[in-house]
Amino acid sequence: MSQITKSTCCYCGVGCGVLIEHDGTEVLNVSGDPDHPANLGRLCSKGSTLHLTGDSSARALYPELRLGKTLARSRTDWDTALDHASEQFAQVIAEHGPDSVAFYLSGQLLTEDYFAFNKLVRGLVGTNNVDSNSRLCMSSAVVGYKKALGADAPPCSYEDIEQSDCVLIIGSNMAFAHPVLFRRLEAAKAARPDMQLIVVDPRRTDTAELADIFLPIQPGTDVALCHGLLHILLWEGWIDRAFIDEHTEGFDALKTLVRDYTPELVAEICGIKASDLHNVARLIGSTPSFLSLWCMGLNQSSCGTDKVGALINLHLATGQIGKPGSGPFSLTGQPNAMGGRETGTMASILPGHRDPKNPEHRAEVARFWGVDSLPENPGLTAIDLFQAIKDGKIKALWIACTNPAQSLPNQTLIHEALAACPFVVVQEAFTTSETVPYADLLLPAASWSEKEGSVTNSERRISHVQAAVPAPGEARPDWAIAVDFAKRLEQRLRANQPSLFPFQRAEEIFLEHAALTAGRDLDLSGLNYTVLDSQGPQQWPFPQGAAQGTARLYQDRQFATDNGKAKFMASAYEPTVERRDARYELSLMTGRLRDQWHGMTRTGTCARLFSHTEEAVLSLNPRELSRRNLSDGQLVSVKSRRGSLILPVKADDSLQMAQAFLPMHWGGRYLKALGINTLTLGDYDPYSQQPELKHSAITVKPVELPWTLYALVEGDVQNRLTRLRELADGCDYVSLSLVGRDTPAVVMRAAHTSAPDKATLAAIDEVLGLDEGPVMAYDDPRQSVGKRVKLEDGRITALRLAGESAAREWLKALYLEGETDDSLRRWLLAPLSAPPGGNKVASKVVCNCVNVNEDAIKAAISAGADLDGLKQTLGCGTQCGSCVPELKRLINQGQASQLATAL
């Protein structure tokens, strides 16, 4: 009999409530929780397929250990694994001091996991070398909030999206990155058409399609834009002088600075019209309520803190903060990056939003934990941490629930560092992570639906996450692993003293965490699991005695600074670290795909999530393609100052000239040359230490790789993907992904200057299952051409086209259709780019939920269907709604085409 357990989604920071249907052993289905105030029952394409991810063949099931870098890991037991880890860490600490070890954690850990690790690192080991991949995500927002408002506390609630009269989205493709919130925004604008939406982005994204005003600024010019807007607000008198005088400080210095940011100068810097700048300033200055939403486009920058501060300046200058529909609202990139910030599990933060540089704050935490002191030495943040590993300063590294061998910039350096580190522990749920091969000790962790704890979303709302099913194999909750290790380590570091880690249940850790926040700006000392279960998810602060959480901060105009006043930030505009020049003439921007998450460790196990975007492709403006004599699908070399990779290119009219775009998800598991972050740079913001992942300078050149290979095989996809990636490593171009819905398959594309040896092709055929059974074959050794198609029960189950692959798309379409027409069999090995008989190859899937492709949508639009018509006739856009912006764009394109034809 099936049961229902409440949980939250494990992707973005919206914190969507999820109802897990399960039988106590296996997750059967998921749906949005209609009672959860964050999503009100909605889920995006990623959340709605949670039950289809987490392929068991990709899971880490047992501890694995190796005693030498050249040896393979072998299965061991938990006692041996953790005894060995504690011995290694204790020995390193004894020989080199506590700052010779480090811990690198994740915004996808639960709050209890975070807290256990932080107490282990700071209270027991005695180092501040603990950081999180949230450093790559939210640290500029953290520092911007602290500098301007006094605390890392997003002041808004999601309901402000519905209540605002003017919404500015800057540095976020919200439609892709936070689709559930974007659905709320769409609904609010449909209900109140007078609501004004401003979108600022170098690309005309799906988010921009909803905008009343779209500002396509040049990459990295956000500070100049905000200063230019403030210049006009001052000139026109559209500021709240009383609010400024009574509740802020530092305005005069900012006023002097922005005097030079005239509309004409800012328009030139940003590459926009001065009239558009005036129109946006007028909206901000005259609207009853003004809300700004931002994400990685501001944060991931060498001046991300300045960008956040310049945006907050607009709210302080107009008094648009601390009231419904108003305020600066950062959209968190991970499900529990906020929990990590609350627990202080980053090098630059202590529990309860305390400062490790503050002696009083260190003493407070030390007293609470019952230790003599906390470490004074500054901790290493992510970029400097891995440089220190490469330099030999870090001798032991613990990585939990994150994949630095894919996600950090300048991947060549990161892989060199991981290879050089004497002892690496990787605590991970999936063996397919690019970081796992570097593990001397692999510890299997429980994943989504398998552990209990709590998470905090973007609006400071804490949800109780409940376990629905047991973890597979011997996998354990992250907090339990940390506590078990800590108990063993403290026997070596503080023998015969009471344990700092008496925790038996997750809630015991939560209660200690909550107590440590008492009296702080984020006070959640009134919360426990019982309150969260009986009253639902709650927003902090929620102090002892509170009846409910706090929806909106600073309504009393008292800020979390020493004098209660907010502070204006006066920082001059600085351009991106790398700029276009004669050698690197393109600006490369990175961003998200609609249906994938981070490094695809989890979403990469679900084939249908590849159907919207199947492979990594470099996007360029159509005129840029034409200028370079490039065509769609052509392979090019993409080179930055740090590395290069080979990718196909495509035309994308959302981009401006001299710009390029790559999705950030594709790592070395799916691509050659360590993936997309081979290209990105590690320069970071001096205040937040957040790297400039969003922008780098590149050059693009065509490459000639005459020998091509295309392969497809269904079943055992994770193992086959791994083996095919290894076998294709000698090729200059390699790309792997998944296709299919009910029966997934691996797809491999490769290209090289010449054909590989026969042994390599034979090994590939063995992985594809083409070495036996009912296989059609064709070989022309003189042309290095070899083709294989396997037919079973009237359908294609595997194929390999080597040396010539013109038929790849229609053969893949035949596989997806699930049957092969007998009349087509004699054409399966022919060099045809389209199926015989004039049939069309199916276009890409736009709506993943009900499997509707672009051709079907365009046909319906040509027949007169609007959005409601598409929903009624095809069903697209009726489930998660993630495809709605694209449907609207296709409708607009269809109407424009019909109008042009009529004229």
Foldseek 3Di string as FASTA:
>chain_A
DKDWDWFFAFFFQLGWIKIFIDDQAATDFIWTDLPAVSQNTFDALQRRCLSVWDPVVFFDFAKWFDPDLVDDTDGDHLVVQLLVVLVVQLVCCVVQNLQQEAEEEELSAFLLLLLLQQCLNWVFSFALRFAYCCLQWCLLLQLLCCQFFNGSAFFFFLVLLLVAQEEEEEADPCLQQVVSSVVVNVVSCVVPVSRAYEYEDLFCHLSVLPHPHYQNFDQQLLLLLLLQLVCLCVVVVLFDVVLCVPFEDDVVLQNVQSPPSHLVNSCVNGVHDSVSSNVVSVCLSPTPAYEYEHINSLCFAQASNSSSLSVQLSCSRHVRAQDRSGDYFYFGRTRFPVSSQQCQRRQQAHHQRHGLCDQVSQVLVCVLLVHPTTHNDGHDYDVRVLVCLLVVSHQEYEYEADACLQFAFQNVSNVSSLSRHNAYEYEYGGCLRPSNSSHSMYAHAADQLAAWHWGAGRQQWIATGDHSYHGHNPHYHSSVSSLVSSVSNCCSRPNPDDDSRPDDHSQVSVQSSLVSNPPGQFRCNCDGNVCCVVVNIAHDPDHNPRPGHDRGPCNVSAGNNPVRHTYRDRDDRDGGPADADPAQQAKEFEAAGNQAGAQNSIVQRAALSCQQPPWKEKEAAPVQCVVQVHAFQFWKWKDFPQGIAIHGYHHDNSHDHRYMYIYSHHALLFWAPGPDSSHADLNHHPSSSHHNRGIGTIDIGGDDFQKKKKKKAWDPASVLSNQVSVLQRVFRIWGWGWHEHPIIMIMIITTHNDDDDPVSVVSNCVSRVQVDDQKDWDDDVVQQWIKIFHDDPAATRMIMTISACLCVQQNVQRRRVPHDDPVQVVVPNPRHNQGPPPDHRFAGFLASVQRDGPVVLLVVLLVPDDPVSCCVPVVGCVGSNSSVSVSNVSNVVSVVVVVVVVD
